[in-house]
């Protein structure tokens, strides 16, 4: 698990802006700030 201040590990997700496109965290390294938010169970019927 990364500690506060450490670089986040690279990962890839499907884009929500373009169909069949994938986005990697490393695509933004050194270009833009990135905020990663995780909401457990946010879109589930629980």
N, C-alpha and C. Protein backbone atom coordinates (compact mmCIF):
# COMPACT_ATOMS: atom_id res chain seq x y z
N UNK A 1 0.85 -1.17 0.00
CA UNK A 1 0.00 0.00 0.00
C UNK A 1 0.90 1.24 0.00
N UNK A 2 0.63 2.19 -0.90
CA UNK A 2 1.43 3.42 -0.92
C UNK A 2 1.19 4.26 0.32
N UNK A 3 2.22 4.94 0.73
CA UNK A 3 2.13 5.86 1.86
C UNK A 3 1.82 7.26 1.32
N UNK A 4 1.37 8.15 2.19
CA UNK A 4 1.10 9.53 1.80
C UNK A 4 2.37 10.15 1.23
N UNK A 5 2.25 10.77 0.08
CA UNK A 5 3.38 11.42 -0.55
C UNK A 5 4.10 10.55 -1.57
N UNK A 6 3.85 9.24 -1.57
CA UNK A 6 4.47 8.35 -2.55
C UNK A 6 3.72 8.43 -3.88
N UNK A 7 4.41 8.11 -4.96
CA UNK A 7 3.79 8.09 -6.27
C UNK A 7 2.82 6.91 -6.36
N UNK A 8 1.66 7.17 -6.92
CA UNK A 8 0.65 6.11 -7.08
C UNK A 8 1.10 5.11 -8.13
N UNK A 9 0.79 3.84 -7.95
CA UNK A 9 1.13 2.85 -8.97
C UNK A 9 0.31 3.10 -10.24
N UNK A 10 0.90 2.77 -11.37
CA UNK A 10 0.21 2.97 -12.64
C UNK A 10 -0.93 1.96 -12.79
N UNK A 11 -2.03 2.39 -13.40
CA UNK A 11 -3.14 1.49 -13.68
C UNK A 11 -3.87 1.99 -14.92
N UNK A 12 -4.76 1.15 -15.44
CA UNK A 12 -5.49 1.46 -16.67
C UNK A 12 -6.97 1.23 -16.44
N UNK A 13 -7.80 2.16 -16.94
CA UNK A 13 -9.26 2.06 -16.83
C UNK A 13 -9.90 2.41 -18.16
N UNK A 14 -11.14 1.98 -18.35
CA UNK A 14 -11.90 2.37 -19.54
C UNK A 14 -12.25 3.85 -19.43
N UNK A 15 -12.16 4.56 -20.54
CA UNK A 15 -12.52 5.97 -20.57
C UNK A 15 -14.03 6.12 -20.53
N UNK A 16 -14.51 7.11 -19.80
CA UNK A 16 -15.94 7.39 -19.81
C UNK A 16 -16.28 8.45 -20.85
N UNK A 17 -15.25 8.96 -21.56
CA UNK A 17 -15.47 9.99 -22.57
C UNK A 17 -15.46 9.44 -23.99
N UNK A 18 -14.68 8.39 -24.24
CA UNK A 18 -14.58 7.82 -25.58
C UNK A 18 -14.76 6.31 -25.52
N UNK A 19 -15.65 5.80 -26.36
CA UNK A 19 -15.93 4.37 -26.40
C UNK A 19 -14.68 3.59 -26.84
N UNK A 20 -14.44 2.48 -26.22
CA UNK A 20 -13.33 1.57 -26.54
C UNK A 20 -11.94 2.19 -26.33
N UNK A 21 -11.85 3.28 -25.58
CA UNK A 21 -10.55 3.88 -25.28
C UNK A 21 -10.21 3.58 -23.82
N UNK A 22 -8.92 3.36 -23.56
CA UNK A 22 -8.46 3.15 -22.20
C UNK A 22 -7.53 4.30 -21.81
N UNK A 23 -7.53 4.63 -20.54
CA UNK A 23 -6.72 5.72 -20.02
C UNK A 23 -5.81 5.17 -18.94
N UNK A 24 -4.55 5.56 -18.98
CA UNK A 24 -3.58 5.13 -17.97
C UNK A 24 -3.22 6.32 -17.09
N UNK A 25 -3.00 6.06 -15.82
CA UNK A 25 -2.59 7.11 -14.91
C UNK A 25 -1.28 7.74 -15.38
N UNK A 26 -0.39 6.94 -15.93
CA UNK A 26 0.91 7.46 -16.38
C UNK A 26 0.76 8.42 -17.56
N UNK A 27 -0.38 8.42 -18.27
CA UNK A 27 -0.61 9.37 -19.35
C UNK A 27 -0.62 10.81 -18.85
N UNK A 28 -0.92 11.01 -17.57
CA UNK A 28 -1.04 12.35 -17.00
C UNK A 28 0.19 12.76 -16.18
N UNK A 29 1.11 11.84 -15.96
CA UNK A 29 2.28 12.12 -15.13
C UNK A 29 3.08 13.28 -15.71
N UNK A 30 3.30 14.32 -14.89
CA UNK A 30 4.05 15.49 -15.31
C UNK A 30 3.27 16.48 -16.16
N UNK A 31 1.99 16.18 -16.45
CA UNK A 31 1.19 17.06 -17.30
C UNK A 31 0.05 17.72 -16.53
N UNK A 32 -0.68 16.94 -15.75
CA UNK A 32 -1.86 17.43 -15.05
C UNK A 32 -1.87 16.88 -13.63
N UNK A 33 -2.61 17.56 -12.77
CA UNK A 33 -2.89 16.99 -11.45
C UNK A 33 -4.03 16.00 -11.59
N UNK A 34 -3.99 14.94 -10.79
CA UNK A 34 -5.01 13.91 -10.85
C UNK A 34 -5.54 13.66 -9.44
N UNK A 35 -6.85 13.59 -9.31
CA UNK A 35 -7.49 13.24 -8.04
C UNK A 35 -8.13 11.87 -8.23
N UNK A 36 -7.80 10.95 -7.35
CA UNK A 36 -8.37 9.60 -7.41
C UNK A 36 -9.33 9.47 -6.24
N UNK A 37 -10.60 9.24 -6.54
CA UNK A 37 -11.61 9.10 -5.50
C UNK A 37 -12.23 7.71 -5.61
N UNK A 38 -12.46 7.08 -4.47
CA UNK A 38 -13.04 5.75 -4.44
C UNK A 38 -14.22 5.77 -3.48
N UNK A 39 -15.38 5.40 -3.98
CA UNK A 39 -16.59 5.35 -3.17
C UNK A 39 -17.10 3.92 -3.13
N UNK A 40 -16.77 3.16 -2.10
CA UNK A 40 -17.26 1.79 -2.03
C UNK A 40 -18.80 1.76 -1.99
N UNK A 41 -19.34 0.89 -2.78
CA UNK A 41 -20.79 0.66 -2.85
C UNK A 41 -21.58 1.86 -3.36
N UNK A 42 -20.93 2.83 -4.00
CA UNK A 42 -21.61 4.04 -4.45
C UNK A 42 -22.65 3.74 -5.53
N UNK A 43 -22.38 2.79 -6.42
CA UNK A 43 -23.31 2.53 -7.50
C UNK A 43 -23.83 1.09 -7.44
N UNK A 44 -24.05 0.62 -6.24
CA UNK A 44 -24.58 -0.73 -6.05
C UNK A 44 -25.93 -0.65 -5.35
N UNK A 45 -26.74 -1.66 -5.47
CA UNK A 45 -28.06 -1.63 -4.83
C UNK A 45 -28.05 -1.97 -3.36
N UNK A 46 -26.90 -1.95 -2.71
CA UNK A 46 -26.81 -2.32 -1.29
C UNK A 46 -27.38 -1.24 -0.43
